[in-house]
C-alpha cells in the first residue's frame, strides 16, 4: 500500500499548516502561576486579519533557550549501553566480571548441521 509523506504511522494526516513554526511569548506571571511541563500539548487559535504589526524578519532574534533536564538521563543510558556492549563482548564491567553472562562458543560436535534430506 502506498503511503504519502504526510501520513504518520498512526494513519493521521498532517497538513503543512499544522507544522508552521511560530514564536510564542508567554506572560511571566502566568508561567509562575501555571508552570509548563515537558510533554504538554496545546491548542492555539490565530487571528491573522490584522496585518499592521512588524514582520518577524524585522524583530531582533533572541538567543535560543537551552535546558539540561535530559543530561542525566542521557548519561545513565550511555552507561547502561556501554555495560551491555562490554558484557556481550566478554569484557565484563565494573559490576560484572569478564565473561559473566557470556555465551560459550559451540563445540564442533554440537555445531548446527544441515537437516537430512527426506
C-alpha atoms as a PDB file:
ATOM      1  CA  UNK A   1       0.000   0.000   0.000  1.00  0.00           C
ATOM      2  CA  UNK A   2       1.355   3.436  -0.915  1.00  0.00           C
ATOM      3  CA  UNK A   3       1.685   5.899   1.957  1.00  0.00           C
ATOM      4  CA  UNK A   4       2.014   9.592   1.394  1.00  0.00           C
ATOM      5  CA  UNK A   5       4.778  11.529   3.153  1.00  0.00           C
ATOM      6  CA  UNK A   6       2.264  13.494   5.194  1.00  0.00           C
ATOM      7  CA  UNK A   7       0.694  10.379   6.715  1.00  0.00           C
ATOM      8  CA  UNK A   8       2.008   9.393  10.121  1.00  0.00           C
ATOM      9  CA  UNK A   9       2.424   5.812  11.303  1.00  0.00           C
ATOM     10  CA  UNK A  10      -0.881   6.050  13.150  1.00  0.00           C
ATOM     11  CA  UNK A  11      -2.700   6.955   9.960  1.00  0.00           C
ATOM     12  CA  UNK A  12      -3.292  10.567  10.981  1.00  0.00           C
ATOM     13  CA  UNK A  13      -2.956  13.112   8.216  1.00  0.00           C
ATOM     14  CA  UNK A  14      -0.764  16.132   8.865  1.00  0.00           C
ATOM     15  CA  UNK A  15      -1.382  19.265   6.884  1.00  0.00           C
ATOM     16  CA  UNK A  16       1.517  21.574   6.132  1.00  0.00           C
ATOM     17  CA  UNK A  17      -0.160  24.421   8.015  1.00  0.00           C
ATOM     18  CA  UNK A  18      -0.177  22.309  11.186  1.00  0.00           C
ATOM     19  CA  UNK A  19       3.627  22.483  11.257  1.00  0.00           C
ATOM     20  CA  UNK A  20       4.039  26.215  10.865  1.00  0.00           C
ATOM     21  CA  UNK A  21       6.902  27.475  13.057  1.00  0.00           C
ATOM     22  CA  UNK A  22       5.899  30.323  15.351  1.00  0.00           C
ATOM     23  CA  UNK A  23       7.479  32.334  18.131  1.00  0.00           C
ATOM     24  CA  UNK A  24       5.336  32.398  21.268  1.00  0.00           C
ATOM     25  CA  UNK A  25       5.624  34.917  24.100  1.00  0.00           C
ATOM     26  CA  UNK A  26       4.186  33.892  27.461  1.00  0.00           C
ATOM     27  CA  UNK A  27       3.240  36.124  30.389  1.00  0.00           C
ATOM     28  CA  UNK A  28       5.856  35.611  33.179  1.00  0.00           C
ATOM     29  CA  UNK A  29       3.198  35.892  35.924  1.00  0.00           C
ATOM     30  CA  UNK A  30       1.060  33.283  34.151  1.00  0.00           C
ATOM     31  CA  UNK A  31       4.091  30.985  33.890  1.00  0.00           C
ATOM     32  CA  UNK A  32       4.812  31.409  37.599  1.00  0.00           C
ATOM     33  CA  UNK A  33       1.218  30.518  38.485  1.00  0.00           C
ATOM     34  CA  UNK A  34       0.995  27.684  35.921  1.00  0.00           C
ATOM     35  CA  UNK A  35       4.493  26.386  35.013  1.00  0.00           C
ATOM     36  CA  UNK A  36       4.926  24.489  31.776  1.00  0.00           C
ATOM     37  CA  UNK A  37       5.913  20.827  31.953  1.00  0.00           C
ATOM     38  CA  UNK A  38       7.689  18.695  29.376  1.00  0.00           C
ATOM     39  CA  UNK A  39       5.232  16.947  27.076  1.00  0.00           C
ATOM     40  CA  UNK A  40       2.315  19.338  27.407  1.00  0.00           C
ATOM     41  CA  UNK A  41       0.189  19.917  24.336  1.00  0.00           C
ATOM     42  CA  UNK A  42      -1.827  22.948  23.399  1.00  0.00           C
ATOM     43  CA  UNK A  43      -4.433  24.146  21.013  1.00  0.00           C
ATOM     44  CA  UNK A  44      -3.922  27.594  19.521  1.00  0.00           C
ATOM     45  CA  UNK A  45      -6.213  29.854  17.568  1.00  0.00           C
ATOM     46  CA  UNK A  46      -4.521  32.538  15.492  1.00  0.00           C
ATOM     47  CA  UNK A  47      -6.286  35.611  14.133  1.00  0.00           C
ATOM     48  CA  UNK A  48      -4.365  36.857  11.087  1.00  0.00           C
ATOM     49  CA  UNK A  49      -6.795  39.566   9.992  1.00  0.00           C
ATOM     50  CA  UNK A  50      -4.706  42.455  11.402  1.00  0.00           C
ATOM     51  CA  UNK A  51      -1.527  42.702   9.303  1.00  0.00           C
ATOM     52  CA  UNK A  52      -0.414  46.055  10.742  1.00  0.00           C
ATOM     53  CA  UNK A  53       2.343  44.823  13.082  1.00  0.00           C
ATOM     54  CA  UNK A  54       6.043  44.309  12.490  1.00  0.00           C
ATOM     55  CA  UNK A  55       7.147  41.405  10.362  1.00  0.00           C
ATOM     56  CA  UNK A  56       9.074  38.625  12.043  1.00  0.00           C
ATOM     57  CA  UNK A  57      12.121  39.436   9.917  1.00  0.00           C
ATOM     58  CA  UNK A  58      12.353  42.910  11.495  1.00  0.00           C
ATOM     59  CA  UNK A  59      12.146  41.534  15.054  1.00  0.00           C
ATOM     60  CA  UNK A  60      15.575  41.043  16.652  1.00  0.00           C
ATOM     61  CA  UNK A  61      16.421  37.396  17.219  1.00  0.00           C
ATOM     62  CA  UNK A  62      16.937  36.266  20.785  1.00  0.00           C
ATOM     63  CA  UNK A  63      19.404  33.547  21.731  1.00  0.00           C
ATOM     64  CA  UNK A  64      17.837  30.076  21.866  1.00  0.00           C
ATOM     65  CA  UNK A  65      16.988  28.709  25.281  1.00  0.00           C
ATOM     66  CA  UNK A  66      18.650  25.535  26.494  1.00  0.00           C
ATOM     67  CA  UNK A  67      17.920  23.003  29.200  1.00  0.00           C
ATOM     68  CA  UNK A  68      19.988  20.356  30.945  1.00  0.00           C
ATOM     69  CA  UNK A  69      16.932  18.387  32.069  1.00  0.00           C
ATOM     70  CA  UNK A  70      17.844  15.389  29.889  1.00  0.00           C
ATOM     71  CA  UNK A  71      21.608  15.367  30.553  1.00  0.00           C
ATOM     72  CA  UNK A  72      21.488  12.964  33.498  1.00  0.00           C
ATOM     73  CA  UNK A  73      19.108  10.562  31.739  1.00  0.00           C
ATOM     74  CA  UNK A  74      21.400  10.509  28.731  1.00  0.00           C
ATOM     75  CA  UNK A  75      24.455   9.728  30.862  1.00  0.00           C
ATOM     76  CA  UNK A  76      22.660   6.891  32.631  1.00  0.00           C
ATOM     77  CA  UNK A  77      21.522   5.458  29.297  1.00  0.00           C
ATOM     78  CA  UNK A  78      25.076   5.683  27.924  1.00  0.00           C
ATOM     79  CA  UNK A  79      26.372   3.760  30.973  1.00  0.00           C
ATOM     80  CA  UNK A  80      23.763   1.012  30.521  1.00  0.00           C
ATOM     81  CA  UNK A  81      24.565   0.740  26.808  1.00  0.00           C
ATOM     82  CA  UNK A  82      28.324   0.544  27.486  1.00  0.00           C
ATOM     83  CA  UNK A  83      27.708  -2.150  30.120  1.00  0.00           C
ATOM     84  CA  UNK A  84      25.599  -4.250  27.735  1.00  0.00           C
ATOM     85  CA  UNK A  85      28.184  -3.954  24.960  1.00  0.00           C
ATOM     86  CA  UNK A  86      31.038  -4.854  27.334  1.00  0.00           C
ATOM     87  CA  UNK A  87      29.146  -7.865  28.690  1.00  0.00           C
ATOM     88  CA  UNK A  88      28.262  -9.105  25.206  1.00  0.00           C
ATOM     89  CA  UNK A  89      31.884  -8.661  24.102  1.00  0.00           C
ATOM     90  CA  UNK A  90      33.067 -10.739  27.088  1.00  0.00           C
ATOM     91  CA  UNK A  91      34.904  -7.860  28.760  1.00  0.00           C
ATOM     92  CA  UNK A  92      32.545  -7.515  31.694  1.00  0.00           C
ATOM     93  CA  UNK A  93      32.006  -4.262  33.548  1.00  0.00           C
ATOM     94  CA  UNK A  94      32.979  -2.849  36.907  1.00  0.00           C
ATOM     95  CA  UNK A  95      29.939  -4.564  38.417  1.00  0.00           C
ATOM     96  CA  UNK A  96      30.120  -7.760  36.338  1.00  0.00           C
ATOM     97  CA  UNK A  97      33.254  -9.905  35.940  1.00  0.00           C
ATOM     98  CA  UNK A  98      34.585 -10.632  32.477  1.00  0.00           C
ATOM     99  CA  UNK A  99      32.700 -13.466  30.881  1.00  0.00           C
ATOM    100  CA  UNK A 100      29.691 -13.181  33.185  1.00  0.00           C
ATOM    101  CA  UNK A 101      26.615 -13.779  31.130  1.00  0.00           C
ATOM    102  CA  UNK A 102      28.681 -14.508  28.037  1.00  0.00           C
ATOM    103  CA  UNK A 103      27.703 -17.495  25.931  1.00  0.00           C
ATOM    104  CA  UNK A 104      30.439 -20.041  25.254  1.00  0.00           C
ATOM    105  CA  UNK A 105      31.033 -20.928  21.606  1.00  0.00           C
ATOM    106  CA  UNK A 106      29.502 -24.205  20.474  1.00  0.00           C
ATOM    107  CA  UNK A 107      31.859 -27.149  20.049  1.00  0.00           C
ATOM    108  CA  UNK A 108      32.205 -28.571  16.557  1.00  0.00           C
ATOM    109  CA  UNK A 109      30.367 -31.746  17.604  1.00  0.00           C
ATOM    110  CA  UNK A 110      27.384 -29.666  18.714  1.00  0.00           C
ATOM    111  CA  UNK A 111      27.510 -27.151  15.889  1.00  0.00           C
ATOM    112  CA  UNK A 112      24.437 -26.751  13.723  1.00  0.00           C
ATOM    113  CA  UNK A 113      24.246 -29.340  10.957  1.00  0.00           C
ATOM    114  CA  UNK A 114      22.142 -29.271   7.795  1.00  0.00           C
ATOM    115  CA  UNK A 115      18.814 -31.057   8.055  1.00  0.00           C
ATOM    116  CA  UNK A 116      18.712 -34.532   6.494  1.00  0.00           C
ATOM    117  CA  UNK A 117      17.092 -34.759   3.065  1.00  0.00           C
ATOM    118  CA  UNK A 118      13.741 -36.546   3.049  1.00  0.00           C
END
